[in-house]
Amino acid sequence: MTSASDPLRVYQRFEGLAVVLRTTGEIDMSTAPLLADELTQAITAATAPAPVVADLSDVTFLSSAGLAVLLDAREKCTRAGCPLRLVATGRPVLRSLEVAGLLELLDVYPTVTDAVTP
């Protein structure tokens, strides 16, 4: 539930060859398309086999729409030869991933440094 005080923001940068998307705010059905677009751009910019890293440390809400975007991005990354790695430390994201049974399917790291390290 995005409010004016917690909009979704996505910032892209490179760390070596890895593309890192720092994401802040809430990911719900109204903001998931923005995340999907940003992930698609990151996958296009990625140099395989370097990873695409979605830093979700500052995400305050992750809905099923956001989970679907992450699964779609994982599939696109697999086809492109660049792994999708998530950075998740906050309860809202970790709990959503756990309830959906995705902690075993998605590569989750505690820090961006861990995620970009081969």
N, C-alpha and C. Protein backbone atom coordinates (compact mmCIF):
# COMPACT_ATOMS: atom_id res chain seq x y z
N MET A 1 0.80 -1.16 0.00
CA MET A 1 0.00 0.00 0.00
C MET A 1 0.86 1.25 0.00
N THR A 2 1.12 1.73 -1.13
CA THR A 2 2.00 2.87 -1.27
C THR A 2 1.29 4.15 -0.83
N SER A 3 1.98 4.92 -0.05
CA SER A 3 1.46 6.21 0.35
C SER A 3 2.42 7.28 -0.14
N ALA A 4 1.99 8.52 -0.04
CA ALA A 4 2.84 9.61 -0.49
C ALA A 4 4.14 9.66 0.30
N SER A 5 4.12 9.12 1.54
CA SER A 5 5.32 9.17 2.36
C SER A 5 6.29 8.02 2.10
N ASP A 6 5.86 7.00 1.37
CA ASP A 6 6.72 5.83 1.15
C ASP A 6 6.66 5.34 -0.29
N PRO A 7 6.93 6.23 -1.27
CA PRO A 7 6.85 5.80 -2.66
C PRO A 7 8.01 4.86 -3.01
N LEU A 8 7.83 4.09 -4.06
CA LEU A 8 8.89 3.21 -4.52
C LEU A 8 9.90 4.02 -5.31
N ARG A 9 11.16 3.81 -4.98
CA ARG A 9 12.25 4.45 -5.70
C ARG A 9 13.28 3.37 -6.02
N VAL A 10 13.83 3.45 -7.24
CA VAL A 10 14.82 2.46 -7.68
C VAL A 10 16.00 3.22 -8.27
N TYR A 11 17.19 2.90 -7.77
CA TYR A 11 18.42 3.55 -8.22
C TYR A 11 19.35 2.48 -8.78
N GLN A 12 19.85 2.67 -9.98
CA GLN A 12 20.74 1.69 -10.61
C GLN A 12 22.17 2.19 -10.58
N ARG A 13 23.09 1.27 -10.28
CA ARG A 13 24.52 1.57 -10.33
C ARG A 13 25.26 0.29 -10.68
N PHE A 14 26.51 0.43 -11.02
CA PHE A 14 27.37 -0.72 -11.29
C PHE A 14 28.36 -0.87 -10.15
N GLU A 15 28.61 -2.09 -9.75
CA GLU A 15 29.71 -2.44 -8.85
C GLU A 15 30.53 -3.47 -9.59
N GLY A 16 31.63 -3.02 -10.18
CA GLY A 16 32.36 -3.88 -11.10
C GLY A 16 31.45 -4.13 -12.30
N LEU A 17 31.27 -5.38 -12.66
CA LEU A 17 30.37 -5.72 -13.76
C LEU A 17 28.94 -5.97 -13.30
N ALA A 18 28.74 -6.08 -11.98
CA ALA A 18 27.39 -6.34 -11.45
C ALA A 18 26.53 -5.09 -11.56
N VAL A 19 25.27 -5.28 -11.92
CA VAL A 19 24.29 -4.20 -11.92
C VAL A 19 23.53 -4.30 -10.60
N VAL A 20 23.52 -3.20 -9.84
CA VAL A 20 22.86 -3.17 -8.54
C VAL A 20 21.69 -2.21 -8.60
N LEU A 21 20.52 -2.70 -8.22
CA LEU A 21 19.33 -1.85 -8.11
C LEU A 21 19.01 -1.67 -6.63
N ARG A 22 19.20 -0.47 -6.13
CA ARG A 22 18.81 -0.18 -4.75
C ARG A 22 17.36 0.28 -4.77
N THR A 23 16.54 -0.44 -4.05
CA THR A 23 15.10 -0.21 -4.08
C THR A 23 14.63 0.20 -2.69
N THR A 24 13.85 1.28 -2.62
CA THR A 24 13.32 1.74 -1.34
C THR A 24 11.82 1.94 -1.46
N GLY A 25 11.12 1.78 -0.35
CA GLY A 25 9.68 2.01 -0.33
C GLY A 25 8.89 0.71 -0.37
N GLU A 26 7.67 0.81 -0.87
CA GLU A 26 6.74 -0.33 -0.89
C GLU A 26 6.58 -0.87 -2.31
N ILE A 27 6.57 -2.20 -2.40
CA ILE A 27 6.33 -2.85 -3.69
C ILE A 27 4.97 -3.54 -3.59
N ASP A 28 4.00 -2.95 -4.26
CA ASP A 28 2.64 -3.50 -4.28
C ASP A 28 2.15 -3.53 -5.72
N MET A 29 0.86 -3.79 -5.91
CA MET A 29 0.37 -3.94 -7.28
C MET A 29 0.48 -2.65 -8.09
N SER A 30 0.51 -1.50 -7.43
CA SER A 30 0.63 -0.25 -8.19
C SER A 30 2.08 0.11 -8.51
N THR A 31 3.03 -0.38 -7.72
CA THR A 31 4.43 -0.04 -7.95
C THR A 31 5.25 -1.18 -8.57
N ALA A 32 4.71 -2.39 -8.56
CA ALA A 32 5.43 -3.54 -9.13
C ALA A 32 5.82 -3.32 -10.59
N PRO A 33 4.98 -2.69 -11.42
CA PRO A 33 5.40 -2.46 -12.81
C PRO A 33 6.67 -1.61 -12.93
N LEU A 34 6.84 -0.64 -12.04
CA LEU A 34 8.07 0.16 -12.05
C LEU A 34 9.28 -0.73 -11.76
N LEU A 35 9.16 -1.58 -10.75
CA LEU A 35 10.26 -2.49 -10.44
C LEU A 35 10.54 -3.42 -11.60
N ALA A 36 9.49 -3.92 -12.24
CA ALA A 36 9.66 -4.82 -13.39
C ALA A 36 10.42 -4.11 -14.51
N ASP A 37 10.06 -2.87 -14.80
CA ASP A 37 10.76 -2.11 -15.84
C ASP A 37 12.23 -1.90 -15.49
N GLU A 38 12.49 -1.54 -14.24
CA GLU A 38 13.88 -1.30 -13.82
C GLU A 38 14.70 -2.58 -13.86
N LEU A 39 14.10 -3.70 -13.46
CA LEU A 39 14.82 -4.98 -13.52
C LEU A 39 15.10 -5.38 -14.97
N THR A 40 14.14 -5.15 -15.86
CA THR A 40 14.35 -5.47 -17.27
C THR A 40 15.50 -4.64 -17.83
N GLN A 41 15.55 -3.36 -17.49
CA GLN A 41 16.66 -2.51 -17.94
C GLN A 41 17.99 -2.99 -17.38
N ALA A 42 17.99 -3.41 -16.11
CA ALA A 42 19.22 -3.90 -15.49
C ALA A 42 19.70 -5.18 -16.15
N ILE A 43 18.77 -6.07 -16.47
CA ILE A 43 19.13 -7.33 -17.13
C ILE A 43 19.71 -7.05 -18.51
N THR A 44 19.14 -6.09 -19.21
CA THR A 44 19.65 -5.70 -20.52
C THR A 44 21.06 -5.11 -20.41
N ALA A 45 21.31 -4.37 -19.34
CA ALA A 45 22.61 -3.72 -19.14
C ALA A 45 23.66 -4.68 -18.58
N ALA A 46 23.24 -5.81 -18.06
CA ALA A 46 24.16 -6.74 -17.40
C ALA A 46 25.10 -7.40 -18.40
N THR A 47 26.30 -7.69 -17.92
CA THR A 47 27.30 -8.42 -18.69
C THR A 47 27.43 -9.81 -18.07
N ALA A 48 26.87 -10.81 -18.72
CA ALA A 48 26.93 -12.18 -18.20
C ALA A 48 28.38 -12.61 -18.09
N PRO A 49 28.75 -13.31 -17.07
CA PRO A 49 27.93 -13.92 -16.02
C PRO A 49 27.80 -13.07 -14.76
N ALA A 50 28.11 -11.78 -14.83
CA ALA A 50 27.97 -10.91 -13.65
C ALA A 50 26.51 -10.84 -13.23
N PRO A 51 26.26 -10.72 -11.92
CA PRO A 51 24.88 -10.76 -11.44
C PRO A 51 24.13 -9.44 -11.58
N VAL A 52 22.82 -9.56 -11.55
CA VAL A 52 21.92 -8.44 -11.32
C VAL A 52 21.52 -8.55 -9.86
N VAL A 53 21.77 -7.50 -9.09
CA VAL A 53 21.51 -7.52 -7.66
C VAL A 53 20.36 -6.56 -7.35
N ALA A 54 19.30 -7.10 -6.78
CA ALA A 54 18.18 -6.27 -6.33
C ALA A 54 18.34 -6.08 -4.82
N ASP A 55 18.76 -4.88 -4.43
CA ASP A 55 18.96 -4.57 -3.02
C ASP A 55 17.61 -4.13 -2.45
N LEU A 56 16.99 -5.02 -1.70
CA LEU A 56 15.66 -4.77 -1.13
C LEU A 56 15.74 -4.43 0.35
N SER A 57 16.92 -4.04 0.82
CA SER A 57 17.13 -3.76 2.25
C SER A 57 16.21 -2.67 2.78
N ASP A 58 15.87 -1.71 1.94
CA ASP A 58 15.03 -0.59 2.37
C ASP A 58 13.60 -0.69 1.87
N VAL A 59 13.18 -1.88 1.49
CA VAL A 59 11.79 -2.10 1.08
C VAL A 59 10.97 -2.35 2.34
N THR A 60 9.86 -1.63 2.46
CA THR A 60 9.03 -1.71 3.67
C THR A 60 7.80 -2.60 3.50
N PHE A 61 7.51 -3.02 2.27
CA PHE A 61 6.37 -3.90 2.00
C PHE A 61 6.62 -4.59 0.68
N LEU A 62 6.36 -5.91 0.64
CA LEU A 62 6.53 -6.68 -0.59
C LEU A 62 5.30 -7.56 -0.77
N SER A 63 4.49 -7.21 -1.77
CA SER A 63 3.24 -7.93 -2.03
C SER A 63 3.47 -9.10 -2.97
N SER A 64 2.41 -9.85 -3.21
CA SER A 64 2.48 -10.96 -4.16
C SER A 64 2.81 -10.45 -5.57
N ALA A 65 2.38 -9.24 -5.90
CA ALA A 65 2.73 -8.66 -7.21
C ALA A 65 4.23 -8.45 -7.30
N GLY A 66 4.85 -8.01 -6.22
CA GLY A 66 6.30 -7.85 -6.19
C GLY A 66 7.03 -9.17 -6.27
N LEU A 67 6.50 -10.19 -5.61
CA LEU A 67 7.09 -11.52 -5.68
C LEU A 67 7.05 -12.04 -7.11
N ALA A 68 5.93 -11.81 -7.80
CA ALA A 68 5.81 -12.25 -9.20
C ALA A 68 6.84 -11.55 -10.08
N VAL A 69 7.09 -10.28 -9.82
CA VAL A 69 8.11 -9.53 -10.59
C VAL A 69 9.49 -10.15 -10.36
N LEU A 70 9.79 -10.50 -9.12
CA LEU A 70 11.09 -11.10 -8.82
C LEU A 70 11.25 -12.46 -9.50
N LEU A 71 10.20 -13.26 -9.52
CA LEU A 71 10.26 -14.56 -10.19
C LEU A 71 10.44 -14.40 -11.70
N ASP A 72 9.74 -13.43 -12.28
CA ASP A 72 9.88 -13.17 -13.71
C ASP A 72 11.31 -12.70 -14.02
N ALA A 73 11.84 -11.83 -13.17
CA ALA A 73 13.22 -11.34 -13.37
C ALA A 73 14.22 -12.48 -13.24
N ARG A 74 13.97 -13.40 -12.33
CA ARG A 74 14.87 -14.56 -12.18
C ARG A 74 14.89 -15.37 -13.48
N GLU A 75 13.72 -15.57 -14.06
CA GLU A 75 13.64 -16.31 -15.33
C GLU A 75 14.38 -15.58 -16.45
N LYS A 76 14.18 -14.27 -16.54
CA LYS A 76 14.87 -13.47 -17.57
C LYS A 76 16.38 -13.50 -17.36
N CYS A 77 16.81 -13.42 -16.11
CA CYS A 77 18.24 -13.48 -15.82
C CYS A 77 18.82 -14.83 -16.21
N THR A 78 18.10 -15.88 -15.93
CA THR A 78 18.57 -17.22 -16.30
C THR A 78 18.78 -17.31 -17.80
N ARG A 79 17.82 -16.80 -18.57
CA ARG A 79 17.95 -16.82 -20.03
C ARG A 79 19.12 -15.96 -20.51
N ALA A 80 19.39 -14.87 -19.79
CA ALA A 80 20.47 -13.95 -20.18
C ALA A 80 21.84 -14.40 -19.66
N GLY A 81 21.86 -15.40 -18.80
CA GLY A 81 23.13 -15.90 -18.28
C GLY A 81 23.71 -15.09 -17.14
N CYS A 82 22.87 -14.28 -16.51
CA CYS A 82 23.32 -13.47 -15.37
C CYS A 82 22.41 -13.76 -14.18
N PRO A 83 22.96 -14.26 -13.08
CA PRO A 83 22.11 -14.62 -11.95
C PRO A 83 21.44 -13.41 -11.31
N LEU A 84 20.23 -13.61 -10.82
CA LEU A 84 19.55 -12.60 -10.02
C LEU A 84 19.85 -12.90 -8.57
N ARG A 85 20.35 -11.90 -7.86
CA ARG A 85 20.64 -12.04 -6.44
C ARG A 85 19.90 -10.95 -5.69
N LEU A 86 19.28 -11.33 -4.60
CA LEU A 86 18.53 -10.38 -3.77
C LEU A 86 19.31 -10.08 -2.50
N VAL A 87 19.26 -8.84 -2.07
CA VAL A 87 19.77 -8.47 -0.76
C VAL A 87 18.55 -8.14 0.07
N ALA A 88 18.36 -8.92 1.13
CA ALA A 88 17.19 -8.73 1.98
C ALA A 88 17.58 -8.92 3.43
N THR A 89 17.31 -7.92 4.24
CA THR A 89 17.61 -8.00 5.66
C THR A 89 16.39 -7.67 6.50
N GLY A 90 15.43 -6.97 5.93
CA GLY A 90 14.27 -6.54 6.68
C GLY A 90 13.18 -7.59 6.77
N ARG A 91 12.47 -7.57 7.87
CA ARG A 91 11.39 -8.52 8.10
C ARG A 91 10.31 -8.48 7.01
N PRO A 92 9.89 -7.32 6.52
CA PRO A 92 8.81 -7.33 5.51
C PRO A 92 9.16 -8.16 4.28
N VAL A 93 10.38 -8.04 3.80
CA VAL A 93 10.78 -8.77 2.59
C VAL A 93 11.03 -10.23 2.92
N LEU A 94 11.80 -10.49 3.96
CA LEU A 94 12.12 -11.87 4.31
C LEU A 94 10.86 -12.67 4.64
N ARG A 95 9.93 -12.05 5.32
CA ARG A 95 8.68 -12.74 5.68
C ARG A 95 7.87 -13.06 4.43
N SER A 96 7.77 -12.13 3.50
CA SER A 96 7.03 -12.38 2.25
C SER A 96 7.67 -13.53 1.47
N LEU A 97 8.99 -13.52 1.38
CA LEU A 97 9.70 -14.59 0.67
C LEU A 97 9.49 -15.93 1.37
N GLU A 98 9.52 -15.91 2.69
CA GLU A 98 9.35 -17.14 3.46
C GLU A 98 7.94 -17.72 3.30
N VAL A 99 6.93 -16.88 3.46
CA VAL A 99 5.54 -17.33 3.35
C VAL A 99 5.26 -17.89 1.96
N ALA A 100 5.85 -17.29 0.94
CA ALA A 100 5.65 -17.75 -0.44
C ALA A 100 6.51 -18.96 -0.78
N GLY A 101 7.38 -19.36 0.13
CA GLY A 101 8.25 -20.51 -0.13
C GLY A 101 9.37 -20.21 -1.12
N LEU A 102 9.78 -18.95 -1.20
CA LEU A 102 10.76 -18.55 -2.20
C LEU A 102 12.18 -18.39 -1.66
N LEU A 103 12.37 -18.54 -0.35
CA LEU A 103 13.72 -18.40 0.19
C LEU A 103 14.65 -19.47 -0.36
N GLU A 104 14.11 -20.64 -0.67
CA GLU A 104 14.93 -21.72 -1.21
C GLU A 104 15.15 -21.56 -2.72
N LEU A 105 14.26 -20.86 -3.38
CA LEU A 105 14.32 -20.72 -4.84
C LEU A 105 15.18 -19.53 -5.28
N LEU A 106 15.09 -18.44 -4.55
CA LEU A 106 15.82 -17.22 -4.90
C LEU A 106 17.11 -17.13 -4.10
N ASP A 107 18.14 -16.55 -4.70
CA ASP A 107 19.42 -16.36 -4.01
C ASP A 107 19.35 -15.09 -3.19
N VAL A 108 19.36 -15.24 -1.85
CA VAL A 108 19.22 -14.10 -0.94
C VAL A 108 20.51 -13.93 -0.15
N TYR A 109 20.99 -12.69 -0.10
CA TYR A 109 22.25 -12.36 0.56
C TYR A 109 22.00 -11.29 1.62
N PRO A 110 22.89 -11.21 2.63
CA PRO A 110 22.70 -10.21 3.69
C PRO A 110 23.21 -8.82 3.32
N THR A 111 24.15 -8.73 2.35
CA THR A 111 24.71 -7.43 1.97
C THR A 111 24.95 -7.39 0.47
N VAL A 112 25.06 -6.19 -0.05
CA VAL A 112 25.39 -6.02 -1.47
C VAL A 112 26.78 -6.57 -1.74
N THR A 113 27.71 -6.34 -0.83
CA THR A 113 29.07 -6.86 -1.01
C THR A 113 29.06 -8.37 -1.18
N ASP A 114 28.29 -9.06 -0.35
CA ASP A 114 28.18 -10.52 -0.49
C ASP A 114 27.55 -10.90 -1.82
N ALA A 115 26.56 -10.14 -2.25
CA ALA A 115 25.83 -10.48 -3.48
C ALA A 115 26.67 -10.27 -4.74
N VAL A 116 27.55 -9.29 -4.73
CA VAL A 116 28.34 -9.02 -5.94
C VAL A 116 29.64 -9.82 -5.99
N THR A 117 30.02 -10.42 -4.87
CA THR A 117 31.25 -11.21 -4.82
C THR A 117 31.04 -12.55 -5.51
N PRO A 118 31.93 -12.89 -6.46
CA PRO A 118 31.76 -14.16 -7.18
C PRO A 118 31.88 -15.38 -6.27
